[in-house]
Amino acid sequence: MDRLIVLKIGGTLLDEPTKLQSVLNHFCALSEKKILVHGGGAQANRIAKSLGLEPKMQNGRRITDEEMLDVVTMVYAGLNGKKIAALMQGKNCNAISLSGVDGNVIAATKRPVGEVDFGFVGDIDPEGVNTDFLSILLEQKVVPVLNAITHDRNGTLLNTNADTIATTVAAALTSRYSVELLLLTDRPGVLANPNDSTSLFSELHPSQVSALIDEGTISGGMIPKIENALGAIRCGVSAVRIGDGEMLESDRAGTRIIGQNGEQEL
């Protein structure tokens, strides 16, 4: 079974051209089949404010009303996706920037209104991923560059968390490839002390996670990353790591998430 690398990068990396170039250099040099998933929240917030719109968040998650949906679609599926694909083409890496709408790559379900109305936000599962289409691209040595815009099959665009997209796409492709998921952050991985880069957890088991969250060691945006990583392992992804760009240079870099019974594939 061929190996597939799914890399998720955050929008903050797009504001650091030197780091972005370094990450893409290493990513494009990988000989394995590969998919890149990107965010873009920082850029979307800036453009929204320039248009007189105030971004709204709830527990770290974006509330996407109709006006904000227009902004994130322009930024994620337009500016950011095309910029990344262009940089990759410049490195002789044949990339194609795709939203979930294009080729019906990812279909979603609009999140129902609960205590919070998140607006035009889409929830996804592996069955909504068009693995046939993605596999055709991968077999032709084309690198999909996926963004956070999905659709509901009825003509409505939806905004979906990019970490969730990376995790779900990785899980959906486990029947065809040996998939490794890399969730890129600005830190070397999950740290016992956020101010000490040497306090890295080289591995994390699910039984450790709840305690680390309760005591505040894992907090903020790292919580959904860990939750997505655990979900990916449960769905058969062979390895999940969280860390910085060094993960593209060394299999030992980052924090490796271990399955319930210690399953992992090195």
Protein backbone atom coordinates (compact mmCIF):
# COMPACT_ATOMS: atom_id res chain seq x y z
CA MET A 1 0.00 0.00 0.00
CA ASP A 2 1.46 3.37 -1.04
CA ARG A 3 2.21 5.94 1.63
CA LEU A 4 0.25 9.23 1.66
CA ILE A 5 1.20 12.33 3.63
CA VAL A 6 -1.61 14.74 4.57
CA LEU A 7 -0.19 18.04 5.82
CA LYS A 8 -2.30 20.73 7.43
CA ILE A 9 -0.83 24.22 7.70
CA GLY A 10 -2.38 27.18 9.52
CA GLY A 11 -3.14 30.58 8.10
CA THR A 12 -0.52 32.21 10.33
CA LEU A 13 2.16 30.55 8.24
CA LEU A 14 0.98 32.57 5.24
CA ASP A 15 2.05 35.72 7.07
CA GLU A 16 5.61 34.40 7.37
CA PRO A 17 6.95 34.08 3.81
CA THR A 18 10.34 32.66 4.79
CA LYS A 19 8.84 29.92 6.97
CA LEU A 20 6.19 29.17 4.34
CA GLN A 21 8.84 28.78 1.65
CA SER A 22 10.82 26.43 3.91
CA VAL A 23 7.80 24.27 4.69
CA LEU A 24 6.79 24.07 1.03
CA ASN A 25 10.37 23.28 -0.02
CA HIS A 26 10.42 20.23 2.26
CA PHE A 27 6.83 19.25 1.45
CA CYS A 28 7.35 19.42 -2.32
CA ALA A 29 10.55 17.37 -1.99
CA LEU A 30 8.70 14.43 -0.41
CA SER A 31 8.61 11.46 -2.74
CA GLU A 32 5.35 10.10 -1.28
CA LYS A 33 1.89 10.96 -2.53
CA LYS A 34 0.71 14.05 -0.67
CA ILE A 35 -2.17 16.39 0.08
CA LEU A 36 -1.95 19.85 1.65
CA VAL A 37 -4.80 21.39 3.65
CA HIS A 38 -4.63 25.05 4.67
CA GLY A 39 -6.44 27.51 6.87
CA GLY A 40 -6.52 31.27 6.60
CA GLY A 41 -8.36 32.73 9.58
CA ALA A 42 -5.89 35.56 10.17
CA GLN A 43 -6.12 36.76 6.59
CA ALA A 44 -9.93 36.45 6.59
CA ASN A 45 -10.15 38.52 9.77
CA ARG A 46 -8.00 41.30 8.32
CA ILE A 47 -9.98 41.51 5.10
CA ALA A 48 -13.29 41.35 6.96
CA LYS A 49 -12.27 44.29 9.16
CA SER A 50 -11.14 46.27 6.11
CA LEU A 51 -14.68 45.79 4.77
CA GLY A 52 -16.22 46.99 8.02
CA LEU A 53 -17.16 43.52 9.27
CA GLU A 54 -16.32 42.36 12.79
CA PRO A 55 -15.31 38.66 12.99
CA LYS A 56 -17.28 36.73 15.61
CA MET A 57 -15.86 33.75 17.50
CA GLN A 58 -17.33 31.34 20.06
CA ASN A 59 -14.94 29.15 22.05
CA GLY A 60 -12.29 29.58 19.38
CA ARG A 61 -14.63 28.67 16.52
CA ARG A 62 -15.79 31.11 13.85
CA ILE A 63 -19.41 32.15 13.51
CA THR A 64 -19.97 32.38 9.75
CA ASP A 65 -22.89 34.58 8.77
CA GLU A 66 -23.72 35.30 5.13
CA GLU A 67 -21.32 38.24 4.81
CA MET A 68 -18.48 36.38 6.51
CA LEU A 69 -19.10 33.37 4.26
CA ASP A 70 -18.37 35.61 1.26
CA VAL A 71 -15.12 36.76 2.88
CA VAL A 72 -13.81 33.32 3.87
CA THR A 73 -14.70 31.94 0.44
CA MET A 74 -12.73 34.71 -1.27
CA VAL A 75 -9.77 34.28 1.09
CA TYR A 76 -9.58 30.51 1.50
CA ALA A 77 -10.69 29.29 -1.93
CA GLY A 78 -9.22 32.27 -3.75
CA LEU A 79 -6.25 34.21 -2.40
CA ASN A 80 -4.69 31.66 -0.05
CA GLY A 81 -5.28 28.56 -2.13
CA LYS A 82 -3.97 30.08 -5.33
CA LYS A 83 -0.98 31.64 -3.58
CA ILE A 84 0.07 28.28 -2.11
CA ALA A 85 -0.49 26.43 -5.39
CA ALA A 86 1.54 29.04 -7.27
CA LEU A 87 4.43 28.71 -4.83
CA MET A 88 4.33 24.93 -5.22
CA GLN A 89 4.28 25.18 -9.01
CA GLY A 90 7.40 27.30 -8.69
CA LYS A 91 9.03 24.32 -6.98
CA ASN A 92 8.10 21.92 -9.81
CA CYS A 93 5.32 20.44 -7.68
CA ASN A 94 2.13 20.08 -9.72
CA ALA A 95 -0.46 21.45 -7.29
CA ILE A 96 -4.16 22.08 -7.80
CA SER A 97 -6.09 24.35 -5.44
CA LEU A 98 -9.53 22.92 -4.65
CA SER A 99 -12.43 23.79 -2.41
CA GLY A 100 -14.84 21.06 -1.36
CA VAL A 101 -17.15 22.21 -4.16
CA ASP A 102 -14.64 21.56 -6.95
CA GLY A 103 -15.05 18.05 -8.25
CA ASN A 104 -17.43 17.47 -5.33
CA VAL A 105 -14.32 16.83 -3.23
CA ILE A 106 -16.01 17.34 0.16
CA ALA A 107 -19.74 17.49 0.85
CA ALA A 108 -20.89 18.70 4.25
CA THR A 109 -23.99 19.07 6.40
CA LYS A 110 -24.92 22.50 7.78
CA ARG A 111 -24.45 22.46 11.53
CA PRO A 112 -27.83 22.58 13.29
CA VAL A 113 -28.55 25.49 15.59
CA GLY A 114 -27.89 24.62 19.22
CA GLU A 115 -26.90 26.88 22.09
CA VAL A 116 -24.91 28.78 19.46
CA ASP A 117 -25.90 29.44 15.85
CA PHE A 118 -22.63 29.06 13.96
CA GLY A 119 -24.29 30.07 10.70
CA PHE A 120 -22.96 28.64 7.45
CA VAL A 121 -20.67 26.09 9.07
CA GLY A 122 -20.41 22.57 7.69
CA ASP A 123 -19.79 19.30 9.52
CA ILE A 124 -18.23 16.44 7.55
CA ASP A 125 -17.48 12.75 7.79
CA PRO A 126 -15.33 10.40 5.67
CA GLU A 127 -18.33 9.35 3.56
CA GLY A 128 -18.59 12.90 2.23
CA VAL A 129 -15.05 12.82 0.81
CA ASN A 130 -14.74 12.04 -2.91
CA THR A 131 -11.90 9.53 -2.58
CA ASP A 132 -12.24 8.41 -6.21
CA PHE A 133 -11.49 11.90 -7.50
CA LEU A 134 -8.66 12.54 -5.04
CA SER A 135 -7.09 9.18 -5.93
CA ILE A 136 -7.18 10.00 -9.64
CA LEU A 137 -5.26 13.20 -8.94
CA LEU A 138 -2.77 11.46 -6.66
CA GLU A 139 -2.11 8.68 -9.16
CA GLN A 140 -1.39 11.34 -11.78
CA LYS A 141 1.18 12.91 -9.42
CA VAL A 142 -1.01 15.97 -8.88
CA VAL A 143 -0.97 17.40 -5.34
CA PRO A 144 -4.40 18.54 -4.08
CA VAL A 145 -4.31 21.77 -2.06
CA LEU A 146 -7.56 21.79 -0.09
CA ASN A 147 -9.16 24.70 1.75
CA ALA A 148 -11.95 25.04 4.30
CA ILE A 149 -14.86 25.74 1.92
CA THR A 150 -17.29 22.83 1.44
CA HIS A 151 -20.87 22.54 0.14
CA ASP A 152 -24.17 20.91 1.11
CA ARG A 153 -25.03 19.32 -2.30
CA ASN A 154 -27.92 21.80 -2.62
CA GLY A 155 -26.03 24.84 -3.83
CA THR A 156 -24.97 26.31 -0.49
CA LEU A 157 -21.36 26.97 0.45
CA LEU A 158 -20.24 26.11 3.98
CA ASN A 159 -17.20 26.90 6.10
CA THR A 160 -15.54 23.86 7.71
CA ASN A 161 -12.66 23.76 10.18
CA ALA A 162 -9.42 23.05 8.29
CA ASP A 163 -8.08 20.67 10.97
CA THR A 164 -11.30 18.69 10.63
CA ILE A 165 -10.94 18.62 6.84
CA ALA A 166 -7.37 17.30 7.10
CA THR A 167 -8.40 14.65 9.63
CA THR A 168 -11.48 13.55 7.68
CA VAL A 169 -9.69 13.40 4.32
CA ALA A 170 -6.88 11.38 5.91
CA ALA A 171 -9.41 8.97 7.46
CA ALA A 172 -11.35 8.60 4.20
CA LEU A 173 -8.24 7.57 2.27
CA THR A 174 -7.03 4.87 4.70
CA SER A 175 -8.62 2.13 2.59
CA ARG A 176 -6.41 3.12 -0.36
CA TYR A 177 -3.17 4.34 1.24
CA SER A 178 -1.07 4.11 4.37
CA VAL A 179 -1.85 7.62 5.62
CA GLU A 180 0.23 9.82 7.89
CA LEU A 181 -1.34 13.05 9.12
CA LEU A 182 0.87 16.01 10.06
CA LEU A 183 -0.80 18.92 11.88
CA LEU A 184 1.58 21.86 11.65
CA THR A 185 1.80 24.42 14.45
CA ASP A 186 4.25 27.17 15.43
CA ARG A 187 5.60 24.96 18.24
CA PRO A 188 7.72 21.80 18.11
CA GLY A 189 4.73 19.82 19.40
CA VAL A 190 2.70 19.45 22.58
CA LEU A 191 4.72 20.94 25.44
CA ALA A 192 4.51 20.24 29.18
CA ASN A 193 5.65 23.84 29.68
CA PRO A 194 4.56 26.22 26.89
CA ASN A 195 7.59 28.41 27.60
CA ASP A 196 10.08 25.56 27.32
CA SER A 197 10.52 24.02 23.88
CA THR A 198 12.53 21.17 25.43
CA SER A 199 9.50 19.97 27.44
CA LEU A 200 8.12 18.19 24.38
CA PHE A 201 5.87 15.15 24.72
CA SER A 202 7.37 12.83 22.12
CA GLU A 203 4.25 10.65 22.38
CA LEU A 204 0.76 11.08 23.79
CA HIS A 205 -1.70 8.31 24.63
CA PRO A 206 -5.46 8.99 24.78
CA SER A 207 -5.48 8.19 28.51
CA GLN A 208 -3.15 11.17 29.13
CA VAL A 209 -5.10 13.75 27.17
CA SER A 210 -8.06 14.43 29.50
CA ALA A 211 -5.79 15.07 32.49
CA LEU A 212 -3.55 17.38 30.48
CA ILE A 213 -6.59 19.38 29.34
CA ASP A 214 -8.02 19.57 32.86
CA GLU A 215 -4.77 20.89 34.29
CA GLY A 216 -4.37 23.41 31.45
CA THR A 217 -1.26 21.90 29.87
CA ILE A 218 -3.24 21.39 26.68
CA SER A 219 -5.37 24.47 26.05
CA GLY A 220 -6.78 26.83 23.42
CA GLY A 221 -6.36 25.83 19.80
CA MET A 222 -4.33 22.76 20.74
CA ILE A 223 -7.43 21.03 22.15
CA PRO A 224 -9.27 20.60 18.81
CA LYS A 225 -5.97 19.53 17.19
CA ILE A 226 -5.56 16.76 19.78
CA GLU A 227 -9.22 15.76 19.43
CA ASN A 228 -8.88 15.57 15.65
CA ALA A 229 -5.66 13.59 15.97
CA LEU A 230 -7.28 11.02 18.26
CA GLY A 231 -10.23 10.75 15.88
CA ALA A 232 -7.87 10.12 12.96
CA ILE A 233 -6.12 7.28 14.80
CA ARG A 234 -9.48 5.70 15.66
CA CYS A 235 -10.38 5.84 11.94
CA GLY A 236 -7.26 3.93 10.88
CA VAL A 237 -4.76 6.69 10.05
CA SER A 238 -1.42 4.97 10.59
CA ALA A 239 0.35 7.88 12.30
CA VAL A 240 -0.52 11.38 13.47
CA ARG A 241 2.01 13.97 14.55
CA ILE A 242 1.61 17.53 15.81
CA GLY A 243 4.55 19.93 15.56
CA ASP A 244 6.46 22.42 13.44
CA GLY A 245 8.14 22.17 10.04
CA GLU A 246 10.81 19.79 11.33
CA MET A 247 8.23 17.01 10.98
CA LEU A 248 8.82 17.16 7.23
CA GLU A 249 12.52 16.49 7.79
CA SER A 250 12.45 13.84 10.51
CA ASP A 251 10.01 11.06 11.42
CA ARG A 252 10.97 11.63 15.05
CA ALA A 253 10.01 15.31 15.20
CA GLY A 254 6.77 16.51 16.77
CA THR A 255 4.39 14.80 19.19
CA ARG A 256 3.16 11.43 17.96
CA ILE A 257 -0.40 10.52 18.93
CA ILE A 258 -0.72 6.89 19.98
CA GLY A 259 -3.84 4.75 19.62
CA GLN A 260 -5.75 3.17 22.50
CA ASN A 261 -3.61 0.05 22.37
CA GLY A 262 -0.41 1.81 21.40
CA GLU A 263 -0.98 1.21 17.70
CA GLN A 264 1.20 3.21 15.35
CA GLU A 265 3.03 2.64 12.13
CA LEU A 266 6.47 4.14 11.83
